[in-house]
C-alpha atoms as a PDB file:
ATOM      1  CA  MET A   1      -9.227  -9.378  -1.029  1.00  0.00           C
ATOM      2  CA  ILE A   2      -7.080 -12.112  -2.450  1.00  0.00           C
ATOM      3  CA  GLU A   3      -3.942  -9.961  -2.396  1.00  0.00           C
ATOM      4  CA  ILE A   4      -4.022  -9.885   1.448  1.00  0.00           C
ATOM      5  CA  HIS A   5      -3.586 -13.672   1.555  1.00  0.00           C
ATOM      6  CA  SER A   6      -0.753 -13.852  -0.989  1.00  0.00           C
ATOM      7  CA  PRO A   7       2.653 -14.036   0.699  1.00  0.00           C
ATOM      8  CA  THR A   8       4.283 -13.601  -2.698  1.00  0.00           C
ATOM      9  CA  ALA A   9       2.516 -10.279  -3.314  1.00  0.00           C
ATOM     10  CA  ARG A  10       3.245  -9.122   0.257  1.00  0.00           C
ATOM     11  CA  ARG A  11       7.008  -9.936  -0.093  1.00  0.00           C
ATOM     12  CA  GLY A  12       7.196  -8.340  -3.541  1.00  0.00           C
ATOM     13  CA  VAL A  13       5.721  -5.096  -2.163  1.00  0.00           C
ATOM     14  CA  GLU A  14       8.030  -5.231   0.853  1.00  0.00           C
ATOM     15  CA  VAL A  15      11.054  -5.486  -1.420  1.00  0.00           C
ATOM     16  CA  ALA A  16       9.915  -2.879  -3.887  1.00  0.00           C
ATOM     17  CA  THR A  17       8.902  -0.266  -1.272  1.00  0.00           C
ATOM     18  CA  PRO A  18      12.389   1.051  -0.483  1.00  0.00           C
ATOM     19  CA  LEU A  19      13.198   1.301  -4.136  1.00  0.00           C
ATOM     20  CA  ALA A  20       9.980   3.195  -4.920  1.00  0.00           C
ATOM     21  CA  LEU A  21      10.549   5.552  -1.944  1.00  0.00           C
ATOM     22  CA  LEU A  22      14.048   6.266  -3.250  1.00  0.00           C
ATOM     23  CA  LEU A  23      12.691   7.009  -6.760  1.00  0.00           C
ATOM     24  CA  GLY A  24       9.968   9.209  -5.288  1.00  0.00           C
ATOM     25  CA  THR A  25      12.550  11.131  -3.262  1.00  0.00           C
ATOM     26  CA  TYR A  26      14.716  11.576  -6.335  1.00  0.00           C
ATOM     27  CA  LEU A  27      11.764  12.932  -8.293  1.00  0.00           C
ATOM     28  CA  LEU A  28      10.920  15.297  -5.559  1.00  0.00           C
ATOM     29  CA  PHE A  29      14.435  16.718  -5.289  1.00  0.00           C
ATOM     30  CA  ALA A  30      15.231  16.807  -8.966  1.00  0.00           C
ATOM     31  CA  GLY A  31      11.888  18.235 -10.014  1.00  0.00           C
ATOM     32  CA  HIS A  32      12.779  21.929 -10.477  1.00  0.00           C
ATOM     33  CA  ASN A  33      15.676  21.201 -12.819  1.00  0.00           C
ATOM     34  CA  ASN A  34      14.772  17.872 -14.461  1.00  0.00           C
ATOM     35  CA  PRO A  35      11.597  15.900 -15.080  1.00  0.00           C
ATOM     36  CA  GLY A  36       9.780  15.122 -11.954  1.00  0.00           C
ATOM     37  CA  GLY A  37       8.537  17.297  -9.174  1.00  0.00           C
ATOM     38  CA  GLY A  38       5.926  17.241  -6.502  1.00  0.00           C
ATOM     39  CA  PHE A  39       3.135  15.699  -8.550  1.00  0.00           C
ATOM     40  CA  ALA A  40       5.328  12.821  -9.951  1.00  0.00           C
ATOM     41  CA  ALA A  41       6.742  12.125  -6.471  1.00  0.00           C
ATOM     42  CA  GLY A  42       3.299  12.187  -5.015  1.00  0.00           C
ATOM     43  CA  LEU A  43       2.100   9.644  -7.526  1.00  0.00           C
ATOM     44  CA  VAL A  44       5.046   7.352  -6.742  1.00  0.00           C
ATOM     45  CA  PHE A  45       4.488   7.693  -2.967  1.00  0.00           C
ATOM     46  CA  GLY A  46       0.772   7.218  -3.602  1.00  0.00           C
ATOM     47  CA  CYS A  47       1.467   3.961  -5.460  1.00  0.00           C
ATOM     48  CA  VAL A  48       3.469   2.697  -2.501  1.00  0.00           C
ATOM     49  CA  VAL A  49       0.606   3.510  -0.166  1.00  0.00           C
ATOM     50  CA  ALA A  50      -1.862   1.794  -2.469  1.00  0.00           C
ATOM     51  CA  LEU A  51       0.205  -1.320  -2.920  1.00  0.00           C
ATOM     52  CA  ARG A  52       0.933  -1.641   0.798  1.00  0.00           C
ATOM     53  CA  SER A  53      -2.776  -1.139   1.541  1.00  0.00           C
ATOM     54  CA  MET A  54      -3.776  -3.769  -0.950  1.00  0.00           C
ATOM     55  CA  THR A  55      -1.473  -6.294   0.549  1.00  0.00           C
ATOM     56  CA  GLY A  56      -2.528  -5.572   4.115  1.00  0.00           C
ATOM     57  CA  LEU A  57       0.842  -4.052   5.117  1.00  0.00           C
ATOM     58  CA  LEU A  58      -0.670  -0.662   5.807  1.00  0.00           C
ATOM     59  CA  LYS A  59      -4.013   0.817   6.809  1.00  0.00           C
ATOM     60  CA  ALA A  60      -4.173   4.071   4.789  1.00  0.00           C
ATOM     61  CA  SER A  61      -5.528   6.992   6.883  1.00  0.00           C
ATOM     62  CA  GLY A  62      -5.012  10.640   7.475  1.00  0.00           C
ATOM     63  CA  SER A  63      -6.032  11.898   4.069  1.00  0.00           C
ATOM     64  CA  PHE A  64      -7.656  15.035   5.453  1.00  0.00           C
ATOM     65  CA  VAL A  65      -4.535  16.000   7.328  1.00  0.00           C
ATOM     66  CA  LEU A  66      -2.281  15.429   4.267  1.00  0.00           C
ATOM     67  CA  ILE A  67      -4.472  17.451   1.989  1.00  0.00           C
ATOM     68  CA  ALA A  68      -4.890  20.294   4.519  1.00  0.00           C
ATOM     69  CA  VAL A  69      -1.169  20.516   5.262  1.00  0.00           C
ATOM     70  CA  GLY A  70      -0.325  20.385   1.541  1.00  0.00           C
ATOM     71  CA  ILE A  71      -2.829  23.227   0.780  1.00  0.00           C
ATOM     72  CA  LEU A  72      -1.418  25.307   3.630  1.00  0.00           C
ATOM     73  CA  ILE A  73       2.149  24.803   2.367  1.00  0.00           C
ATOM     74  CA  VAL A  74       1.247  25.618  -1.243  1.00  0.00           C
ATOM     75  CA  THR A  75      -0.741  28.690  -0.232  1.00  0.00           C
ATOM     76  CA  ALA A  76       2.004  29.968   2.047  1.00  0.00           C
ATOM     77  CA  VAL A  77       4.677  29.558  -0.637  1.00  0.00           C
ATOM     78  CA  ALA A  78       2.488  31.101  -3.276  1.00  0.00           C
ATOM     79  CA  PHE A  79       1.524  34.217  -1.290  1.00  0.00           C
ATOM     80  CA  SER A  80       4.705  34.818   0.776  1.00  0.00           C
ATOM     81  CA  PRO A  81       6.486  36.852  -2.016  1.00  0.00           C
ATOM     82  CA  LEU A  82       3.676  39.390  -1.802  1.00  0.00           C
ATOM     83  CA  LEU A  83       4.840  40.243   1.753  1.00  0.00           C
ATOM     84  CA  TRP A  84       8.055  41.779   0.424  1.00  0.00           C
ATOM     85  CA  GLY A  85       6.639  43.310  -2.721  1.00  0.00           C
ATOM     86  CA  ASP A  86       7.349  40.567  -5.244  1.00  0.00           C
ATOM     87  CA  VAL A  87       4.783  38.998  -7.517  1.00  0.00           C
ATOM     88  CA  LEU A  88       2.644  35.966  -6.674  1.00  0.00           C
ATOM     89  CA  LEU A  89       4.552  32.627  -6.872  1.00  0.00           C
ATOM     90  CA  ASP A  90       7.914  34.331  -7.302  1.00  0.00           C
ATOM     91  CA  MET A  91      10.644  31.801  -6.480  1.00  0.00           C
ATOM     92  CA  GLN A  92      13.138  32.692  -3.755  1.00  0.00           C
ATOM     93  CA  ILE A  93      16.523  30.945  -3.865  1.00  0.00           C
ATOM     94  CA  VAL A  94      18.596  30.197  -0.773  1.00  0.00           C
ATOM     95  CA  GLU A  95      22.318  29.214  -1.037  1.00  0.00           C
ATOM     96  CA  THR A  96      24.577  27.945   1.635  1.00  0.00           C
ATOM     97  CA  LYS A  97      27.960  26.205   1.803  1.00  0.00           C
ATOM     98  CA  LEU A  98      28.084  22.917   3.711  1.00  0.00           C
ATOM     99  CA  PRO A  99      31.326  21.257   4.814  1.00  0.00           C
ATOM    100  CA  ILE A 100      30.869  17.902   3.014  1.00  0.00           C
ATOM    101  CA  LEU A 101      28.462  18.806   0.243  1.00  0.00           C
ATOM    102  CA  GLY A 102      29.916  22.194  -0.669  1.00  0.00           C
ATOM    103  CA  LYS A 103      27.545  24.822  -2.239  1.00  0.00           C
ATOM    104  CA  VAL A 104      23.946  23.780  -1.741  1.00  0.00           C
ATOM    105  CA  LYS A 105      21.182  25.767  -3.479  1.00  0.00           C
ATOM    106  CA  SER A 106      17.393  25.374  -2.987  1.00  0.00           C
ATOM    107  CA  GLY A 107      14.439  27.453  -3.616  1.00  0.00           C
ATOM    108  CA  SER A 108      10.850  27.975  -2.594  1.00  0.00           C
ATOM    109  CA  ALA A 109       9.848  25.760  -5.518  1.00  0.00           C
ATOM    110  CA  PHE A 110      11.086  22.757  -3.455  1.00  0.00           C
ATOM    111  CA  VAL A 111       8.833  23.659  -0.525  1.00  0.00           C
ATOM    112  CA  PHE A 112       5.944  24.112  -2.990  1.00  0.00           C
ATOM    113  CA  ASP A 113       6.694  20.626  -4.429  1.00  0.00           C
ATOM    114  CA  ILE A 114       6.498  19.205  -0.912  1.00  0.00           C
ATOM    115  CA  GLY A 115       3.049  20.675  -0.528  1.00  0.00           C
ATOM    116  CA  VAL A 116       1.944  19.259  -3.928  1.00  0.00           C
ATOM    117  CA  THR A 117       3.260  15.868  -2.885  1.00  0.00           C
ATOM    118  CA  ALA A 118       1.267  15.979   0.320  1.00  0.00           C
ATOM    119  CA  ILE A 119      -1.897  16.888  -1.590  1.00  0.00           C
ATOM    120  CA  VAL A 120      -1.422  14.035  -4.163  1.00  0.00           C
ATOM    121  CA  VAL A 121      -0.691  11.392  -1.521  1.00  0.00           C
ATOM    122  CA  GLY A 122      -3.660  12.596   0.558  1.00  0.00           C
ATOM    123  CA  LEU A 123      -5.955  12.249  -2.448  1.00  0.00           C
ATOM    124  CA  VAL A 124      -4.694   8.736  -3.077  1.00  0.00           C
ATOM    125  CA  VAL A 125      -5.384   7.873   0.552  1.00  0.00           C
ATOM    126  CA  ALA A 126      -8.860   9.387   0.317  1.00  0.00           C
ATOM    127  CA  LEU A 127      -9.512   7.410  -2.855  1.00  0.00           C
ATOM    128  CA  LEU A 128      -8.375   4.159  -1.218  1.00  0.00           C
ATOM    129  CA  ASN A 129     -10.588   4.898   1.832  1.00  0.00           C
ATOM    130  CA  GLY A 130     -13.556   5.622  -0.504  1.00  0.00           C
ATOM    131  CA  LEU A 131     -13.034   2.427  -2.455  1.00  0.00           C
ATOM    132  CA  GLY A 132     -12.733   0.418   0.732  1.00  0.00           C
ATOM    133  CA  SER A 133     -15.773   1.830   2.466  1.00  0.00           C
ATOM    134  CA  THR A 134     -18.762  -0.339   3.075  1.00  0.00           C
ATOM    135  CA  PRO A 135     -21.850   0.430   1.043  1.00  0.00           C
ATOM    136  CA  ARG A 136     -24.791   2.038   2.813  1.00  0.00           C
ATOM    137  CA  PRO A 137     -27.721  -0.336   3.273  1.00  0.00           C
ATOM    138  CA  ARG A 138     -30.562   0.178   0.891  1.00  0.00           C
ATOM    139  CA  GLU A 139     -33.655   1.808   2.296  1.00  0.00           C
ATOM    140  CA  THR A 140     -36.759  -0.353   2.000  1.00  0.00           C
ATOM    141  CA  ASP A 141     -39.991   1.109   0.848  1.00  0.00           C
ATOM    142  CA  ASN A 142     -42.646   0.485   3.527  1.00  0.00           C
ATOM    143  CA  SER A 143     -45.604   1.539   1.400  1.00  0.00           C
END
């Protein structure tokens, strides 16, 4: 890949990575009240992984673990309300008062979004691994 040998591309990705991670984190946290959420954050984090992989800064791996953990989180959040008699995917809200931040409110939708983010990033990593795999040798016909 030509991108691996380009110091300009590598430096650009190194500089853009913290900004993209900050944007992805914002999208993850703001997703239940504003545009964004787990899918949008996962796409931003996936782009970071893809760019860092293309420039040789990262070897993308662990797609199975990311997807499995994401599915477990999403499933647990979806079915947990059934345990106390609520409907499937009913959002539970937790409020607490912190010394510096004041009143902080979060819900099960945030945990659900984390699971969705893990699934999306895992799928991007799986796609990168699939695109970077070596082709199987062709079988020769001996007849």
